[in-house]
């Protein structure tokens, strides 16, 4: 991406010598396209929210290449509220991450999975086991994304 900018600059100078005033408009369009594409591909933050009856959850994700980081918080009715960070990877349309959170004064790590479909993320559920103090899925290929907990995309605050 960085190599394209000098090339575009040289091309602009060439066009300016041939087209006069038209080159300024062309360069402006090129510049805005570069800025828009760069913002969309690097470190974009997306936010999602789950609301059902008295249960709520909010998820904020920052994606760079195939890595994802962010925050996740659950406020489920008559259960302990927990909030923490997520860090993991994106495989196609699936996010697999470790959720590190505080609940009842204790730090825990639980593997989470989300399946992206349009502007929604469906949380995946499956059999789990404890591995070195962390809760992990037994078999990622057997996860169920049944829509029982679907996060809708929202504007980040």
N, C-alpha and C. Protein backbone atom coordinates (compact mmCIF):
# COMPACT_ATOMS: atom_id res chain seq x y z
N UNK A 1 0.83 -1.18 0.00
CA UNK A 1 0.00 0.00 0.00
C UNK A 1 0.87 1.25 0.00
N UNK A 2 1.96 1.25 0.79
CA UNK A 2 2.83 2.41 0.86
C UNK A 2 3.54 2.65 -0.47
N UNK A 3 3.80 1.60 -1.23
CA UNK A 3 4.47 1.74 -2.52
C UNK A 3 3.55 2.36 -3.57
N UNK A 4 2.28 2.26 -3.39
CA UNK A 4 1.33 2.77 -4.37
C UNK A 4 1.29 4.30 -4.35
N UNK A 5 1.43 4.90 -3.17
CA UNK A 5 1.32 6.35 -3.05
C UNK A 5 2.36 7.08 -3.90
N UNK A 6 3.66 6.72 -3.85
CA UNK A 6 4.62 7.42 -4.72
C UNK A 6 4.30 7.22 -6.21
N UNK A 7 3.85 6.04 -6.56
CA UNK A 7 3.51 5.78 -7.96
C UNK A 7 2.33 6.65 -8.38
N UNK A 8 1.32 6.74 -7.50
CA UNK A 8 0.17 7.59 -7.81
C UNK A 8 0.58 9.05 -7.91
N UNK A 9 1.50 9.46 -7.06
CA UNK A 9 1.99 10.84 -7.12
C UNK A 9 2.66 11.13 -8.44
N UNK A 10 3.50 10.22 -8.91
CA UNK A 10 4.17 10.40 -10.20
C UNK A 10 3.16 10.41 -11.33
N UNK A 11 2.18 9.53 -11.26
CA UNK A 11 1.14 9.49 -12.29
C UNK A 11 0.34 10.79 -12.31
N UNK A 12 0.10 11.35 -11.13
CA UNK A 12 -0.63 12.61 -11.04
C UNK A 12 0.13 13.73 -11.72
N UNK A 13 1.44 13.80 -11.46
CA UNK A 13 2.26 14.84 -12.10
C UNK A 13 2.22 14.69 -13.62
N UNK A 14 2.29 13.47 -14.09
CA UNK A 14 2.23 13.21 -15.52
C UNK A 14 0.89 13.67 -16.09
N UNK A 15 -0.20 13.33 -15.39
CA UNK A 15 -1.52 13.72 -15.87
C UNK A 15 -1.71 15.22 -15.80
N UNK A 16 -1.14 15.87 -14.79
CA UNK A 16 -1.28 17.31 -14.64
C UNK A 16 -0.63 18.03 -15.81
N UNK A 17 0.48 17.51 -16.28
CA UNK A 17 1.15 18.16 -17.40
C UNK A 17 0.35 18.00 -18.69
N UNK A 18 -0.46 16.96 -18.77
CA UNK A 18 -1.25 16.72 -19.98
C UNK A 18 -2.64 17.31 -19.91
N UNK A 19 -3.25 17.34 -18.70
CA UNK A 19 -4.67 17.68 -18.62
C UNK A 19 -4.96 18.96 -17.85
N UNK A 20 -4.02 19.59 -17.30
CA UNK A 20 -4.26 20.85 -16.60
C UNK A 20 -5.16 20.68 -15.40
N UNK A 21 -6.32 21.38 -15.37
CA UNK A 21 -7.23 21.41 -14.23
C UNK A 21 -7.89 20.09 -13.93
N UNK A 22 -8.06 19.23 -14.89
CA UNK A 22 -8.71 17.95 -14.67
C UNK A 22 -7.91 17.07 -13.73
N UNK A 23 -6.60 17.23 -13.72
CA UNK A 23 -5.74 16.40 -12.87
C UNK A 23 -6.02 16.61 -11.40
N UNK A 24 -6.35 17.85 -11.00
CA UNK A 24 -6.63 18.12 -9.59
C UNK A 24 -7.86 17.35 -9.13
N UNK A 25 -8.90 17.31 -9.95
CA UNK A 25 -10.11 16.56 -9.61
C UNK A 25 -9.81 15.07 -9.54
N UNK A 26 -9.02 14.58 -10.49
CA UNK A 26 -8.66 13.16 -10.52
C UNK A 26 -7.86 12.79 -9.28
N UNK A 27 -6.88 13.62 -8.92
CA UNK A 27 -6.05 13.34 -7.75
C UNK A 27 -6.90 13.35 -6.48
N UNK A 28 -7.84 14.26 -6.40
CA UNK A 28 -8.72 14.32 -5.23
C UNK A 28 -9.50 13.02 -5.09
N UNK A 29 -10.02 12.49 -6.20
CA UNK A 29 -10.75 11.22 -6.17
C UNK A 29 -9.83 10.08 -5.77
N UNK A 30 -8.61 10.07 -6.31
CA UNK A 30 -7.64 9.02 -5.98
C UNK A 30 -7.30 9.08 -4.50
N UNK A 31 -7.02 10.29 -3.99
CA UNK A 31 -6.67 10.45 -2.58
C UNK A 31 -7.79 9.97 -1.67
N UNK A 32 -9.03 10.34 -1.97
CA UNK A 32 -10.14 9.92 -1.11
C UNK A 32 -10.34 8.41 -1.18
N UNK A 33 -10.12 7.81 -2.34
CA UNK A 33 -10.23 6.35 -2.47
C UNK A 33 -9.17 5.65 -1.64
N UNK A 34 -7.94 6.16 -1.68
CA UNK A 34 -6.85 5.56 -0.90
C UNK A 34 -7.16 5.64 0.58
N UNK A 35 -7.60 6.80 1.06
CA UNK A 35 -7.91 6.97 2.48
C UNK A 35 -9.05 6.06 2.88
N UNK A 36 -10.11 6.00 2.08
CA UNK A 36 -11.26 5.15 2.40
C UNK A 36 -10.86 3.68 2.45
N UNK A 37 -10.13 3.20 1.46
CA UNK A 37 -9.72 1.80 1.43
C UNK A 37 -8.77 1.47 2.57
N UNK A 38 -7.85 2.36 2.89
CA UNK A 38 -6.90 2.11 3.98
C UNK A 38 -7.64 2.02 5.30
N UNK A 39 -8.62 2.88 5.51
CA UNK A 39 -9.37 2.85 6.76
C UNK A 39 -10.20 1.58 6.87
N UNK A 40 -10.72 1.11 5.77
CA UNK A 40 -11.58 -0.07 5.79
C UNK A 40 -10.80 -1.35 6.01
N UNK A 41 -9.54 -1.40 5.58
CA UNK A 41 -8.81 -2.66 5.65
C UNK A 41 -7.93 -2.79 6.89
N UNK A 42 -7.58 -1.70 7.54
CA UNK A 42 -6.67 -1.83 8.67
C UNK A 42 -7.33 -1.37 9.95
N UNK A 43 -7.33 -2.25 10.92
CA UNK A 43 -7.75 -1.93 12.27
C UNK A 43 -9.17 -1.37 12.36
N UNK A 44 -10.09 -1.87 11.58
CA UNK A 44 -11.46 -1.40 11.67
C UNK A 44 -12.12 -1.99 12.91
N UNK A 45 -12.90 -1.16 13.60
CA UNK A 45 -13.59 -1.60 14.81
C UNK A 45 -15.06 -1.78 14.47
N UNK A 46 -15.60 -2.91 14.88
CA UNK A 46 -17.02 -3.19 14.67
C UNK A 46 -17.64 -3.56 16.01
N UNK A 47 -18.86 -3.10 16.23
CA UNK A 47 -19.54 -3.35 17.49
C UNK A 47 -20.83 -4.13 17.25
N UNK A 48 -21.15 -4.99 18.20
CA UNK A 48 -22.32 -5.85 18.12
C UNK A 48 -23.01 -5.89 19.48
N UNK A 49 -24.34 -6.08 19.45
CA UNK A 49 -25.10 -6.11 20.69
C UNK A 49 -26.13 -7.24 20.64
N UNK A 50 -26.29 -7.89 21.80
CA UNK A 50 -27.31 -8.93 21.95
C UNK A 50 -28.30 -8.45 23.00
N UNK A 51 -29.57 -8.49 22.68
CA UNK A 51 -30.62 -8.15 23.64
C UNK A 51 -31.75 -9.15 23.48
N UNK A 52 -32.11 -9.79 24.59
CA UNK A 52 -33.27 -10.68 24.60
C UNK A 52 -33.84 -10.67 26.01
N UNK A 53 -35.08 -10.21 26.12
CA UNK A 53 -35.73 -10.05 27.41
C UNK A 53 -34.84 -9.21 28.33
N UNK A 54 -34.38 -9.77 29.43
CA UNK A 54 -33.52 -9.02 30.36
C UNK A 54 -32.04 -9.33 30.17
N UNK A 55 -31.70 -10.12 29.19
CA UNK A 55 -30.30 -10.47 28.92
C UNK A 55 -29.71 -9.52 27.88
N UNK A 56 -28.50 -9.06 28.15
CA UNK A 56 -27.79 -8.21 27.18
C UNK A 56 -26.32 -8.61 27.13
N UNK A 57 -25.72 -8.31 26.01
CA UNK A 57 -24.27 -8.51 25.85
C UNK A 57 -23.80 -7.53 24.79
N UNK A 58 -22.56 -7.10 24.91
CA UNK A 58 -21.99 -6.18 23.92
C UNK A 58 -20.60 -6.65 23.55
N UNK A 59 -20.29 -6.56 22.27
CA UNK A 59 -19.01 -7.04 21.74
C UNK A 59 -18.43 -5.97 20.83
N UNK A 60 -17.18 -5.65 21.04
CA UNK A 60 -16.46 -4.69 20.20
C UNK A 60 -15.22 -5.40 19.67
N UNK A 61 -15.07 -5.43 18.34
CA UNK A 61 -13.96 -6.16 17.73
C UNK A 61 -13.12 -5.27 16.83
N UNK A 62 -11.82 -5.42 16.95
CA UNK A 62 -10.87 -4.74 16.07
C UNK A 62 -10.15 -5.83 15.29
N UNK A 63 -10.25 -5.76 13.97
CA UNK A 63 -9.68 -6.80 13.12
C UNK A 63 -8.51 -6.25 12.33
N UNK A 64 -7.41 -6.97 12.33
CA UNK A 64 -6.23 -6.65 11.52
C UNK A 64 -5.73 -7.95 10.93
N UNK A 65 -5.74 -8.03 9.61
CA UNK A 65 -5.39 -9.27 8.91
C UNK A 65 -6.33 -10.37 9.38
N UNK A 66 -5.80 -11.45 9.93
CA UNK A 66 -6.67 -12.53 10.41
C UNK A 66 -6.69 -12.59 11.94
N UNK A 67 -6.26 -11.51 12.59
CA UNK A 67 -6.27 -11.45 14.06
C UNK A 67 -7.40 -10.52 14.52
N UNK A 68 -7.97 -10.85 15.67
CA UNK A 68 -9.05 -10.05 16.21
C UNK A 68 -8.82 -9.83 17.71
N UNK A 69 -9.08 -8.61 18.16
CA UNK A 69 -9.02 -8.26 19.57
C UNK A 69 -10.23 -7.40 19.89
N UNK A 70 -10.54 -7.28 21.16
CA UNK A 70 -11.66 -6.42 21.52
C UNK A 70 -12.13 -6.66 22.93
N UNK A 71 -13.37 -6.24 23.18
CA UNK A 71 -13.98 -6.38 24.49
C UNK A 71 -15.32 -7.09 24.35
N UNK A 72 -15.68 -7.78 25.41
CA UNK A 72 -16.94 -8.52 25.44
C UNK A 72 -17.49 -8.45 26.85
N UNK A 73 -18.78 -8.18 26.96
CA UNK A 73 -19.41 -8.14 28.27
C UNK A 73 -20.79 -8.76 28.23
N UNK A 74 -21.10 -9.57 29.24
CA UNK A 74 -22.40 -10.22 29.35
C UNK A 74 -23.10 -9.70 30.60
N UNK A 75 -24.39 -9.41 30.48
CA UNK A 75 -25.21 -9.06 31.62
C UNK A 75 -26.48 -9.89 31.49
N UNK A 76 -26.40 -11.12 31.97
CA UNK A 76 -27.50 -12.08 31.85
C UNK A 76 -28.32 -12.07 33.13
N UNK A 77 -29.62 -12.02 32.98
CA UNK A 77 -30.55 -11.90 34.09
C UNK A 77 -30.33 -13.02 35.12
N UNK A 78 -30.24 -12.60 36.38
CA UNK A 78 -30.04 -13.49 37.53
C UNK A 78 -28.75 -14.30 37.46
N UNK A 79 -27.77 -13.79 36.72
CA UNK A 79 -26.44 -14.41 36.69
C UNK A 79 -25.43 -13.31 36.93
N UNK A 80 -24.23 -13.69 37.32
CA UNK A 80 -23.19 -12.70 37.56
C UNK A 80 -22.79 -12.02 36.25
N UNK A 81 -22.70 -10.71 36.32
CA UNK A 81 -22.25 -9.92 35.18
C UNK A 81 -20.76 -10.17 35.00
N UNK A 82 -20.30 -10.28 33.74
CA UNK A 82 -18.86 -10.40 33.51
C UNK A 82 -18.47 -9.62 32.27
N UNK A 83 -17.25 -9.11 32.32
CA UNK A 83 -16.74 -8.31 31.20
C UNK A 83 -15.24 -8.54 31.11
N UNK A 84 -14.74 -8.48 29.87
CA UNK A 84 -13.31 -8.69 29.69
C UNK A 84 -12.89 -8.45 28.26
N UNK A 85 -11.79 -9.07 27.89
CA UNK A 85 -11.20 -8.87 26.57
C UNK A 85 -11.24 -10.17 25.76
N UNK A 86 -11.24 -10.01 24.44
CA UNK A 86 -11.15 -11.15 23.55
C UNK A 86 -9.92 -10.97 22.66
N UNK A 87 -9.28 -12.08 22.35
CA UNK A 87 -8.13 -12.08 21.44
C UNK A 87 -8.12 -13.43 20.73
N UNK A 88 -8.07 -13.37 19.40
CA UNK A 88 -8.09 -14.63 18.66
C UNK A 88 -7.84 -14.44 17.19
N UNK A 89 -8.43 -15.34 16.41
CA UNK A 89 -8.19 -15.34 14.96
C UNK A 89 -9.52 -15.42 14.20
N UNK A 90 -9.44 -15.02 12.94
CA UNK A 90 -10.57 -15.14 12.03
C UNK A 90 -10.23 -16.21 11.01
N UNK A 91 -11.11 -17.21 10.89
CA UNK A 91 -10.96 -18.28 9.89
C UNK A 91 -12.19 -18.23 9.01
N UNK A 92 -12.05 -17.63 7.83
CA UNK A 92 -13.20 -17.49 6.93
C UNK A 92 -14.25 -16.60 7.56
N UNK A 93 -15.43 -17.15 7.84
CA UNK A 93 -16.51 -16.38 8.46
C UNK A 93 -16.66 -16.69 9.95
N UNK A 94 -15.65 -17.32 10.55
CA UNK A 94 -15.71 -17.72 11.95
C UNK A 94 -14.60 -17.06 12.76
N UNK A 95 -14.97 -16.59 13.94
CA UNK A 95 -14.01 -16.01 14.88
C UNK A 95 -13.85 -16.99 16.03
N UNK A 96 -12.61 -17.35 16.34
CA UNK A 96 -12.29 -18.20 17.49
C UNK A 96 -11.36 -17.37 18.37
N UNK A 97 -11.76 -17.17 19.63
CA UNK A 97 -10.97 -16.29 20.50
C UNK A 97 -11.00 -16.77 21.94
N UNK A 98 -10.04 -16.29 22.71
CA UNK A 98 -10.04 -16.48 24.15
C UNK A 98 -10.67 -15.25 24.79
N UNK A 99 -11.62 -15.49 25.67
CA UNK A 99 -12.31 -14.43 26.40
C UNK A 99 -11.77 -14.44 27.82
N UNK A 100 -11.02 -13.40 28.18
CA UNK A 100 -10.45 -13.27 29.52
C UNK A 100 -11.32 -12.28 30.28
N UNK A 101 -11.94 -12.74 31.38
CA UNK A 101 -12.92 -11.89 32.05
C UNK A 101 -12.86 -12.03 33.57
N UNK A 102 -13.49 -11.06 34.22
CA UNK A 102 -13.61 -11.04 35.67
C UNK A 102 -15.06 -11.37 36.03
N UNK A 103 -15.22 -12.29 36.96
CA UNK A 103 -16.54 -12.62 37.47
C UNK A 103 -16.37 -13.14 38.89
N UNK A 104 -17.17 -12.62 39.80
CA UNK A 104 -17.08 -13.00 41.21
C UNK A 104 -15.67 -12.79 41.76
N UNK A 105 -14.99 -11.76 41.29
CA UNK A 105 -13.65 -11.45 41.78
C UNK A 105 -12.56 -12.38 41.28
N UNK A 106 -12.87 -13.21 40.33
CA UNK A 106 -11.90 -14.18 39.82
C UNK A 106 -11.70 -13.97 38.32
N UNK A 107 -10.44 -14.09 37.86
CA UNK A 107 -10.15 -14.00 36.43
C UNK A 107 -10.26 -15.39 35.82
N UNK A 108 -11.00 -15.47 34.72
CA UNK A 108 -11.19 -16.74 34.02
C UNK A 108 -10.92 -16.55 32.54
N UNK A 109 -10.60 -17.64 31.86
CA UNK A 109 -10.41 -17.63 30.41
C UNK A 109 -11.29 -18.71 29.81
N UNK A 110 -12.12 -18.28 28.84
CA UNK A 110 -13.04 -19.20 28.18
C UNK A 110 -12.94 -18.98 26.68
N UNK A 111 -12.87 -20.06 25.94
CA UNK A 111 -12.85 -19.96 24.48
C UNK A 111 -14.25 -19.61 23.99
N UNK A 112 -14.32 -18.67 23.05
CA UNK A 112 -15.59 -18.28 22.45
C UNK A 112 -15.48 -18.39 20.93
N UNK A 113 -16.63 -18.56 20.29
CA UNK A 113 -16.66 -18.66 18.82
C UNK A 113 -17.88 -17.91 18.31
N UNK A 114 -17.69 -17.23 17.19
CA UNK A 114 -18.77 -16.49 16.56
C UNK A 114 -18.75 -16.77 15.06
N UNK A 115 -19.93 -16.94 14.50
CA UNK A 115 -20.09 -17.13 13.06
C UNK A 115 -20.71 -15.87 12.48
N UNK A 116 -20.01 -15.26 11.53
CA UNK A 116 -20.49 -14.01 10.92
C UNK A 116 -21.40 -14.32 9.74
N UNK A 117 -22.57 -13.68 9.76
CA UNK A 117 -23.51 -13.78 8.64
C UNK A 117 -24.14 -12.40 8.47
N UNK A 118 -23.82 -11.77 7.35
CA UNK A 118 -24.28 -10.41 7.08
C UNK A 118 -23.84 -9.48 8.22
N UNK A 119 -24.79 -8.79 8.85
CA UNK A 119 -24.45 -7.87 9.94
C UNK A 119 -24.72 -8.48 11.31
N UNK A 120 -24.57 -9.79 11.41
CA UNK A 120 -24.80 -10.47 12.68
C UNK A 120 -23.67 -11.43 13.00
N UNK A 121 -23.50 -11.68 14.30
CA UNK A 121 -22.58 -12.70 14.78
C UNK A 121 -23.38 -13.65 15.66
N UNK A 122 -23.38 -14.93 15.32
CA UNK A 122 -24.04 -15.94 16.14
C UNK A 122 -22.98 -16.60 17.01
N UNK A 123 -23.22 -16.60 18.32
CA UNK A 123 -22.26 -17.24 19.22
C UNK A 123 -22.41 -18.75 19.11
N UNK A 124 -21.27 -19.43 19.09
CA UNK A 124 -21.26 -20.88 18.98
C UNK A 124 -21.16 -21.55 20.34
N UNK A 125 -21.80 -22.69 20.45
CA UNK A 125 -21.78 -23.45 21.70
C UNK A 125 -21.45 -24.90 21.40
N UNK A 126 -20.81 -25.55 22.37
CA UNK A 126 -20.46 -26.95 22.22
C UNK A 126 -19.89 -27.49 23.51
N UNK A 127 -19.52 -28.76 23.50
CA UNK A 127 -18.94 -29.38 24.68
C UNK A 127 -17.60 -28.73 24.98
N UNK A 128 -17.33 -28.53 26.28
CA UNK A 128 -16.09 -27.88 26.70
C UNK A 128 -15.33 -28.78 27.67
N UNK A 129 -14.07 -28.44 27.82
CA UNK A 129 -13.20 -29.12 28.79
C UNK A 129 -12.24 -28.09 29.35
N UNK A 130 -11.69 -28.40 30.51
CA UNK A 130 -10.71 -27.50 31.11
C UNK A 130 -9.31 -27.97 30.73
N UNK A 131 -8.53 -27.04 30.16
CA UNK A 131 -7.17 -27.33 29.74
C UNK A 131 -6.26 -26.26 30.34
N UNK A 132 -5.40 -26.66 31.26
CA UNK A 132 -4.46 -25.74 31.91
C UNK A 132 -5.17 -24.52 32.49
N UNK A 133 -6.30 -24.75 33.14
CA UNK A 133 -7.03 -23.68 33.80
C UNK A 133 -7.91 -22.85 32.89
N UNK A 134 -7.99 -23.19 31.61
CA UNK A 134 -8.82 -22.47 30.66
C UNK A 134 -9.93 -23.38 30.15
N UNK A 135 -11.10 -22.81 29.93
CA UNK A 135 -12.22 -23.57 29.37
C UNK A 135 -12.13 -23.52 27.85
N UNK A 136 -11.98 -24.70 27.24
CA UNK A 136 -11.80 -24.80 25.79
C UNK A 136 -12.88 -25.71 25.20
N UNK A 137 -13.21 -25.47 23.93
CA UNK A 137 -14.12 -26.37 23.24
C UNK A 137 -13.41 -27.70 23.00
N UNK A 138 -14.14 -28.80 23.15
CA UNK A 138 -13.56 -30.12 22.89
C UNK A 138 -13.28 -30.32 21.41
N UNK A 139 -14.21 -29.89 20.56
CA UNK A 139 -14.08 -30.10 19.12
C UNK A 139 -14.72 -28.93 18.38
N UNK A 140 -13.89 -28.08 17.79
CA UNK A 140 -14.39 -26.89 17.09
C UNK A 140 -15.32 -27.24 15.93
N UNK A 141 -15.11 -28.39 15.32
CA UNK A 141 -15.94 -28.78 14.17
C UNK A 141 -17.37 -29.14 14.59
N UNK A 142 -17.59 -29.35 15.89
CA UNK A 142 -18.93 -29.73 16.36
C UNK A 142 -19.67 -28.58 17.03
N UNK A 143 -19.17 -27.36 16.87
CA UNK A 143 -19.86 -26.21 17.46
C UNK A 143 -21.22 -26.01 16.80
N UNK A 144 -22.18 -25.54 17.61
CA UNK A 144 -23.52 -25.27 17.10
C UNK A 144 -23.75 -23.76 17.14
N UNK A 145 -24.02 -23.21 15.98
CA UNK A 145 -24.36 -21.79 15.85
C UNK A 145 -25.85 -21.72 15.55
N UNK A 146 -26.65 -22.03 16.57
CA UNK A 146 -28.10 -22.18 16.36
C UNK A 146 -28.88 -20.87 16.43
N UNK A 147 -28.20 -19.78 16.66
CA UNK A 147 -28.88 -18.49 16.73
C UNK A 147 -29.50 -18.19 18.07
N UNK A 148 -29.23 -19.02 19.08
CA UNK A 148 -29.80 -18.77 20.40
C UNK A 148 -29.22 -17.51 21.02
N UNK A 149 -28.03 -17.11 20.58
CA UNK A 149 -27.43 -15.87 21.06
C UNK A 149 -26.81 -15.17 19.85
N UNK A 150 -27.60 -14.32 19.21
CA UNK A 150 -27.16 -13.62 18.00
C UNK A 150 -26.94 -12.14 18.30
N UNK A 151 -25.76 -11.67 17.97
CA UNK A 151 -25.38 -10.27 18.16
C UNK A 151 -25.66 -9.52 16.86
N UNK A 152 -26.32 -8.36 16.97
CA UNK A 152 -26.59 -7.51 15.82
C UNK A 152 -25.56 -6.38 15.77
N UNK A 153 -25.13 -6.03 14.57
CA UNK A 153 -24.16 -4.96 14.40
C UNK A 153 -24.80 -3.63 14.79
N UNK A 154 -24.04 -2.81 15.54
CA UNK A 154 -24.50 -1.49 15.96
C UNK A 154 -23.38 -0.48 15.71
N UNK A 155 -23.72 0.79 15.80
CA UNK A 155 -22.69 1.83 15.73
C UNK A 155 -21.89 1.80 17.02
N UNK A 156 -20.58 1.88 16.90
CA UNK A 156 -19.72 1.92 18.08
C UNK A 156 -19.87 3.26 18.78
N UNK A 157 -19.82 3.23 20.10
CA UNK A 157 -19.96 4.46 20.88
C UNK A 157 -18.62 4.94 21.37
